[in-house]
Amino acid sequence: MTPGKERGGEVFYWLARKVWQQRDPSVMPTEARLLAAAMRGAEQYVAAMAARAQAKGGQP
């Protein structure tokens, strides 16, 4: 690769078609944290839908 005309700075990184690097599981949340976040989101959604139904005169 050869760089083109410089336009105001240094190259921070070059894009590559393919790379290989070691796995690092610590960069992703654990399965337990993902599940906990999904459950919180589901509970918030159900609570919001129940409040909406109750506001319209329905039962939760």
C-alpha atoms as a PDB file:
ATOM      1  CA  MET A   1       0.000   0.000   0.000  1.00  0.00           C
ATOM      2  CA  THR A   2       1.149   3.475  -0.678  1.00  0.00           C
ATOM      3  CA  PRO A   3      -0.421   6.483   0.956  1.00  0.00           C
ATOM      4  CA  GLY A   4      -2.052   9.127  -1.165  1.00  0.00           C
ATOM      5  CA  LYS A   5      -1.730  12.861  -0.789  1.00  0.00           C
ATOM      6  CA  GLU A   6      -1.546  13.841   2.866  1.00  0.00           C
ATOM      7  CA  ARG A   7      -4.521  15.819   4.067  1.00  0.00           C
ATOM      8  CA  GLY A   8      -3.785  17.277   7.443  1.00  0.00           C
ATOM      9  CA  GLY A   9      -2.359  14.592   9.640  1.00  0.00           C
ATOM     10  CA  GLU A  10      -0.820  11.244  10.304  1.00  0.00           C
ATOM     11  CA  VAL A  11      -2.286   7.866   9.495  1.00  0.00           C
ATOM     12  CA  PHE A  12      -3.786   6.355  12.656  1.00  0.00           C
ATOM     13  CA  TYR A  13      -4.300   2.907  11.160  1.00  0.00           C
ATOM     14  CA  TRP A  14      -4.474   1.115   7.830  1.00  0.00           C
ATOM     15  CA  LEU A  15      -7.469  -0.992   6.881  1.00  0.00           C
ATOM     16  CA  ALA A  16      -6.623  -4.589   6.081  1.00  0.00           C
ATOM     17  CA  ARG A  17      -8.665  -7.152   4.159  1.00  0.00           C
ATOM     18  CA  LYS A  18      -8.016  -9.847   6.728  1.00  0.00           C
ATOM     19  CA  VAL A  19      -6.439 -10.113  10.161  1.00  0.00           C
ATOM     20  CA  TRP A  20      -5.930 -12.805  12.757  1.00  0.00           C
ATOM     21  CA  GLN A  21      -5.541 -12.138  16.428  1.00  0.00           C
ATOM     22  CA  GLN A  22      -5.729 -14.057  19.678  1.00  0.00           C
ATOM     23  CA  ARG A  23      -9.119 -14.375  21.350  1.00  0.00           C
ATOM     24  CA  ASP A  24      -9.662 -12.219  24.418  1.00  0.00           C
ATOM     25  CA  PRO A  25     -12.878 -13.265  26.184  1.00  0.00           C
ATOM     26  CA  SER A  26     -12.478 -10.414  28.687  1.00  0.00           C
ATOM     27  CA  VAL A  27     -13.585  -7.847  26.092  1.00  0.00           C
ATOM     28  CA  MET A  28     -17.129  -9.256  26.033  1.00  0.00           C
ATOM     29  CA  PRO A  29     -19.595  -9.363  28.918  1.00  0.00           C
ATOM     30  CA  THR A  30     -20.191 -12.744  30.493  1.00  0.00           C
ATOM     31  CA  GLU A  31     -23.248 -14.780  29.551  1.00  0.00           C
ATOM     32  CA  ALA A  32     -24.683 -14.076  33.016  1.00  0.00           C
ATOM     33  CA  ARG A  33     -24.365 -10.300  32.518  1.00  0.00           C
ATOM     34  CA  LEU A  34     -25.962 -10.515  29.070  1.00  0.00           C
ATOM     35  CA  LEU A  35     -28.844 -12.547  30.477  1.00  0.00           C
ATOM     36  CA  ALA A  36     -29.305 -10.129  33.389  1.00  0.00           C
ATOM     37  CA  ALA A  37     -29.427  -7.154  31.004  1.00  0.00           C
ATOM     38  CA  ALA A  38     -31.932  -8.935  28.758  1.00  0.00           C
ATOM     39  CA  MET A  39     -34.133  -9.760  31.746  1.00  0.00           C
ATOM     40  CA  ARG A  40     -34.035  -6.139  32.971  1.00  0.00           C
ATOM     41  CA  GLY A  41     -35.018  -4.934  29.521  1.00  0.00           C
ATOM     42  CA  ALA A  42     -37.867  -7.440  29.290  1.00  0.00           C
ATOM     43  CA  GLU A  43     -39.138  -6.521  32.764  1.00  0.00           C
ATOM     44  CA  GLN A  44     -39.050  -2.805  31.905  1.00  0.00           C
ATOM     45  CA  TYR A  45     -40.917  -3.451  28.656  1.00  0.00           C
ATOM     46  CA  VAL A  46     -43.622  -5.524  30.356  1.00  0.00           C
ATOM     47  CA  ALA A  47     -44.014  -2.892  33.093  1.00  0.00           C
ATOM     48  CA  ALA A  48     -44.331  -0.124  30.492  1.00  0.00           C
ATOM     49  CA  MET A  49     -46.948  -2.084  28.521  1.00  0.00           C
ATOM     50  CA  ALA A  50     -48.910  -2.801  31.722  1.00  0.00           C
ATOM     51  CA  ALA A  51     -48.828   0.881  32.701  1.00  0.00           C
ATOM     52  CA  ARG A  52     -49.950   1.846  29.209  1.00  0.00           C
ATOM     53  CA  ALA A  53     -52.852  -0.615  29.294  1.00  0.00           C
ATOM     54  CA  GLN A  54     -53.868   0.561  32.759  1.00  0.00           C
ATOM     55  CA  ALA A  55     -53.774   4.211  31.644  1.00  0.00           C
ATOM     56  CA  LYS A  56     -56.193   3.331  28.840  1.00  0.00           C
ATOM     57  CA  GLY A  57     -58.587   1.808  31.364  1.00  0.00           C
ATOM     58  CA  GLY A  58     -57.613  -1.801  30.851  1.00  0.00           C
ATOM     59  CA  GLN A  59     -56.226  -4.198  33.369  1.00  0.00           C
ATOM     60  CA  PRO A  60     -52.500  -4.840  33.616  1.00  0.00           C
END
